Amino acid sequence: MSFVRLRPRETAPERQSPIRGFITGLRFLWGQPVLRTLTLLLCGVIFLTYTMDDLVIYRLREDLHQGGGAVGAVFAIGAAGTIVAGSVVALLRRRLGFGACWIGAYALTAVALAGAGGATAVPVIAGLVAVILFAQGIAGTCSMSLRQEITPEHLLGRVTSAFWTVHYLPGPIGAPLVTFAAAHAGVPAVALALGLGLGVIALFAAFSPLRTRAPEGVGHRPAHGEAL
């Protein structure tokens, strides 16, 4: 703790009810073009990928007739992708910038997810899951750090709660739709469709404020509560 230096607060944050605080966070998200775009695109990402683990497990158990050991091995190997992502994300963002990291990560996820859905060899699926988790680790870390860089300190809690609530809402909607489609059309077809959807999201991001190297510098319209 002797190496940690905390900045003193200039003013105490205004106390608000949970509902008012949530609305304040929403208004800031909507008034900031970078965070607004990020939140909306992540809504699409969560809608498409909320049940990704279930699809992989279903593919292994039902299509390829693998046991629990194979499922565990696939996700154990896949977890290495997350560890590697955490080790290199700071370097990648410094070298490539936010736009290349975030857009590239979801473009890579799109290709790997489509491939994993159609693969028949367990080692190949494990490798592709590792690629997916690596890419999601890069994109997720960049997303969270960008939100914290843009959001004023006194609004951070309110914006964080609004951000996570809003972009995770489509998950429970997409889950039954994706699993229903997989049960009827098969995992390979659905994984390909999900990959195409992620590719579209990456394409949208390439024409949005997120494409820049440092989107935290993009100006924004002050939102209600920002100057508290």
Protein backbone atom coordinates (compact mmCIF):
# COMPACT_ATOMS: atom_id res chain seq x y z
CA MET A 1 0.00 0.00 0.00
CA SER A 2 2.97 2.34 0.48
CA PHE A 3 3.35 2.51 -3.32
CA VAL A 4 -0.29 3.55 -3.90
CA ARG A 5 -1.03 7.26 -4.11
CA LEU A 6 -4.68 8.23 -3.96
CA ARG A 7 -5.82 11.57 -5.32
CA PRO A 8 -7.90 13.58 -2.83
CA ARG A 9 -11.48 14.27 -3.89
CA GLU A 10 -12.17 17.89 -4.68
CA THR A 11 -15.89 17.63 -3.96
CA ALA A 12 -18.09 14.90 -2.58
CA PRO A 13 -20.31 13.23 -5.21
CA GLU A 14 -24.00 14.10 -5.16
CA ARG A 15 -26.16 11.48 -3.47
CA GLN A 16 -28.88 10.08 -5.72
CA SER A 17 -31.45 7.36 -5.47
CA PRO A 18 -30.50 4.14 -7.33
CA ILE A 19 -32.99 4.92 -10.11
CA ARG A 20 -31.80 8.51 -10.55
CA GLY A 21 -28.21 7.37 -10.48
CA PHE A 22 -28.90 4.77 -13.15
CA ILE A 23 -30.62 7.38 -15.33
CA THR A 24 -27.67 9.72 -14.89
CA GLY A 25 -25.37 6.95 -16.08
CA LEU A 26 -27.61 6.27 -19.09
CA ARG A 27 -27.65 9.94 -20.03
CA PHE A 28 -23.89 10.12 -19.92
CA LEU A 29 -23.57 7.00 -22.07
CA TRP A 30 -26.01 8.38 -24.62
CA GLY A 31 -24.40 11.84 -24.67
CA GLN A 32 -20.91 10.47 -25.28
CA PRO A 33 -20.66 9.30 -28.91
CA VAL A 34 -17.86 6.82 -28.32
CA LEU A 35 -19.52 5.14 -25.33
CA ARG A 36 -22.91 5.22 -27.03
CA THR A 37 -21.50 3.40 -30.05
CA LEU A 38 -19.56 0.96 -27.88
CA THR A 39 -22.62 0.12 -25.78
CA LEU A 40 -24.89 -0.42 -28.79
CA LEU A 41 -22.37 -2.64 -30.57
CA LEU A 42 -21.78 -4.66 -27.43
CA CYS A 43 -25.53 -5.22 -27.21
CA GLY A 44 -25.20 -6.99 -30.56
CA VAL A 45 -22.13 -8.92 -29.42
CA ILE A 46 -23.86 -10.20 -26.28
CA PHE A 47 -27.00 -11.11 -28.24
CA LEU A 48 -24.91 -13.27 -30.57
CA THR A 49 -22.39 -14.80 -28.17
CA TYR A 50 -24.27 -15.23 -24.87
CA THR A 51 -24.66 -18.97 -25.45
CA MET A 52 -21.35 -19.58 -27.22
CA ASP A 53 -20.11 -21.96 -24.51
CA ASP A 54 -23.35 -23.94 -24.74
CA LEU A 55 -22.95 -24.31 -28.49
CA VAL A 56 -19.41 -25.64 -28.09
CA ILE A 57 -20.50 -28.11 -25.42
CA TYR A 58 -23.46 -29.25 -27.51
CA ARG A 59 -21.20 -29.71 -30.52
CA LEU A 60 -18.77 -31.82 -28.52
CA ARG A 61 -21.29 -33.93 -26.63
CA GLU A 62 -24.10 -34.41 -29.14
CA ASP A 63 -22.51 -34.06 -32.58
CA LEU A 64 -19.06 -35.48 -31.89
CA HIS A 65 -20.07 -37.82 -29.01
CA GLN A 66 -17.28 -36.67 -26.71
CA GLY A 67 -17.32 -37.09 -22.94
CA GLY A 68 -16.92 -34.64 -20.12
CA GLY A 69 -13.14 -35.02 -20.21
CA ALA A 70 -12.96 -33.66 -23.74
CA VAL A 71 -15.23 -30.75 -22.83
CA GLY A 72 -13.04 -29.91 -19.85
CA ALA A 73 -9.87 -30.15 -21.93
CA VAL A 74 -11.29 -27.84 -24.61
CA PHE A 75 -12.15 -25.12 -22.11
CA ALA A 76 -8.91 -25.59 -20.15
CA ILE A 77 -6.92 -25.04 -23.34
CA GLY A 78 -9.25 -22.21 -24.28
CA ALA A 79 -8.58 -20.49 -20.96
CA ALA A 80 -4.96 -20.09 -22.03
CA GLY A 81 -6.21 -17.60 -24.60
CA THR A 82 -7.59 -15.40 -21.83
CA ILE A 83 -4.30 -15.56 -19.92
CA VAL A 84 -2.30 -14.59 -23.00
CA ALA A 85 -4.73 -11.75 -23.75
CA GLY A 86 -4.28 -10.33 -20.26
CA SER A 87 -0.52 -10.45 -20.71
CA VAL A 88 -0.35 -8.63 -24.04
CA VAL A 89 -3.40 -6.35 -24.23
CA ALA A 90 -1.61 -3.29 -22.85
CA LEU A 91 1.23 -3.69 -25.33
CA LEU A 92 -1.15 -4.24 -28.25
CA ARG A 93 -3.19 -1.17 -27.44
CA ARG A 94 -0.10 0.99 -27.16
CA ARG A 95 1.27 -0.29 -30.45
CA LEU A 96 -1.93 -0.59 -32.51
CA GLY A 97 -4.43 1.71 -30.79
CA PHE A 98 -7.96 1.02 -29.60
CA GLY A 99 -9.65 0.78 -32.99
CA ALA A 100 -7.35 -1.87 -34.43
CA CYS A 101 -7.46 -3.93 -31.22
CA TRP A 102 -11.24 -3.83 -30.72
CA ILE A 103 -12.29 -4.23 -34.34
CA GLY A 104 -9.59 -6.79 -35.04
CA ALA A 105 -10.57 -8.80 -31.97
CA TYR A 106 -14.18 -9.18 -33.06
CA ALA A 107 -13.22 -9.88 -36.65
CA LEU A 108 -10.96 -12.65 -35.34
CA THR A 109 -13.76 -13.93 -33.08
CA ALA A 110 -16.09 -14.06 -36.08
CA VAL A 111 -13.72 -16.28 -38.07
CA ALA A 112 -12.82 -18.52 -35.12
CA LEU A 113 -16.43 -19.01 -34.02
CA ALA A 114 -17.55 -19.97 -37.52
CA GLY A 115 -14.64 -22.40 -37.71
CA ALA A 116 -15.23 -23.92 -34.29
CA GLY A 117 -18.86 -24.63 -35.12
CA GLY A 118 -17.92 -26.72 -38.14
CA ALA A 119 -14.73 -28.36 -36.86
CA THR A 120 -14.79 -32.11 -36.20
CA ALA A 121 -11.46 -32.60 -34.42
CA VAL A 122 -11.35 -31.85 -30.69
CA PRO A 123 -7.84 -30.29 -30.78
CA VAL A 124 -8.95 -27.94 -33.55
CA ILE A 125 -12.01 -26.87 -31.55
CA ALA A 126 -9.82 -26.34 -28.47
CA GLY A 127 -7.42 -24.16 -30.45
CA LEU A 128 -10.24 -22.09 -31.92
CA VAL A 129 -11.86 -21.64 -28.50
CA ALA A 130 -8.49 -20.36 -27.27
CA VAL A 131 -8.44 -17.88 -30.16
CA ILE A 132 -11.99 -16.76 -29.33
CA LEU A 133 -11.21 -16.25 -25.64
CA PHE A 134 -7.98 -14.44 -26.52
CA ALA A 135 -9.84 -12.06 -28.83
CA GLN A 136 -12.65 -11.50 -26.34
CA GLY A 137 -10.10 -10.81 -23.61
CA ILE A 138 -8.45 -8.15 -25.78
CA ALA A 139 -11.75 -6.52 -26.75
CA GLY A 140 -13.22 -6.70 -23.25
CA THR A 141 -10.19 -5.17 -21.56
CA CYS A 142 -10.05 -2.39 -24.16
CA SER A 143 -13.78 -1.69 -23.71
CA MET A 144 -13.56 -1.44 -19.92
CA SER A 145 -10.44 0.71 -19.91
CA LEU A 146 -11.90 3.06 -22.53
CA ARG A 147 -15.07 3.53 -20.49
CA GLN A 148 -13.03 4.34 -17.40
CA GLU A 149 -10.80 6.77 -19.30
CA ILE A 150 -13.74 8.71 -20.70
CA THR A 151 -16.00 8.75 -17.65
CA PRO A 152 -15.41 11.43 -14.99
CA GLU A 153 -14.49 9.92 -11.65
CA HIS A 154 -17.61 11.14 -9.85
CA LEU A 155 -19.83 9.41 -12.45
CA LEU A 156 -17.88 6.19 -12.76
CA GLY A 157 -20.13 4.04 -10.59
CA ARG A 158 -23.34 5.23 -12.21
CA VAL A 159 -22.00 4.91 -15.74
CA THR A 160 -20.55 1.48 -15.02
CA SER A 161 -23.88 0.14 -13.71
CA ALA A 162 -25.75 1.53 -16.71
CA PHE A 163 -23.15 0.23 -19.16
CA TRP A 164 -23.19 -3.35 -17.88
CA THR A 165 -26.96 -3.46 -17.45
CA VAL A 166 -27.77 -2.16 -20.91
CA HIS A 167 -25.36 -4.18 -22.98
CA TYR A 168 -26.13 -7.44 -21.18
CA LEU A 169 -29.90 -7.10 -21.56
CA PRO A 170 -29.99 -8.71 -25.06
CA GLY A 171 -28.25 -11.85 -23.76
CA PRO A 172 -31.33 -13.57 -22.31
CA ILE A 173 -33.23 -12.65 -25.47
CA GLY A 174 -30.63 -14.09 -27.81
CA ALA A 175 -30.02 -17.25 -25.77
CA PRO A 176 -33.30 -19.06 -26.52
CA LEU A 177 -33.27 -17.92 -30.14
CA VAL A 178 -29.72 -19.15 -30.76
CA THR A 179 -30.21 -22.47 -28.99
CA PHE A 180 -33.54 -23.04 -30.76
CA ALA A 181 -31.84 -22.39 -34.09
CA ALA A 182 -28.96 -24.73 -33.21
CA ALA A 183 -31.38 -27.52 -32.28
CA HIS A 184 -33.14 -27.24 -35.64
CA ALA A 185 -30.44 -26.10 -38.09
CA GLY A 186 -27.37 -27.56 -36.39
CA VAL A 187 -24.41 -25.96 -34.65
CA PRO A 188 -22.26 -25.50 -37.81
CA ALA A 189 -24.92 -23.41 -39.57
CA VAL A 190 -25.70 -21.35 -36.49
CA ALA A 191 -22.01 -20.77 -35.69
CA LEU A 192 -21.50 -19.57 -39.24
CA ALA A 193 -24.45 -17.17 -38.90
CA LEU A 194 -23.11 -15.88 -35.59
CA GLY A 195 -19.69 -15.37 -37.14
CA LEU A 196 -21.22 -13.38 -39.96
CA GLY A 197 -23.12 -11.29 -37.42
CA LEU A 198 -19.92 -10.51 -35.52
CA GLY A 199 -18.27 -9.61 -38.80
CA VAL A 200 -21.05 -7.10 -39.46
CA ILE A 201 -20.52 -5.60 -35.99
CA ALA A 202 -16.79 -5.25 -36.68
CA LEU A 203 -17.63 -3.59 -40.00
CA PHE A 204 -19.97 -1.11 -38.32
CA ALA A 205 -17.25 -0.32 -35.79
CA ALA A 206 -14.81 0.38 -38.64
CA PHE A 207 -17.05 3.26 -39.74
CA SER A 208 -17.74 4.57 -36.23
CA PRO A 209 -15.83 6.70 -33.70
CA LEU A 210 -14.35 3.46 -32.36
CA ARG A 211 -12.10 3.10 -35.40
CA THR A 212 -9.63 5.72 -34.18
CA ARG A 213 -6.43 4.96 -32.38
CA ALA A 214 -7.48 6.97 -29.31
CA PRO A 215 -11.29 7.37 -29.25
CA GLU A 216 -11.13 8.67 -25.69
CA GLY A 217 -10.09 11.98 -27.26
CA VAL A 218 -13.27 12.30 -29.35
CA GLY A 219 -15.41 15.20 -28.11
CA HIS A 220 -18.81 14.68 -26.61
CA ARG A 221 -21.96 16.53 -25.72
CA PRO A 222 -22.10 17.11 -21.93
CA ALA A 223 -24.70 14.90 -20.36
CA HIS A 224 -26.93 15.61 -17.40
CA GLY A 225 -24.98 15.12 -14.19
CA GLU A 226 -21.57 15.22 -15.82
CA ALA A 227 -20.66 18.56 -14.29
CA LEU A 228 -21.85 17.66 -10.78
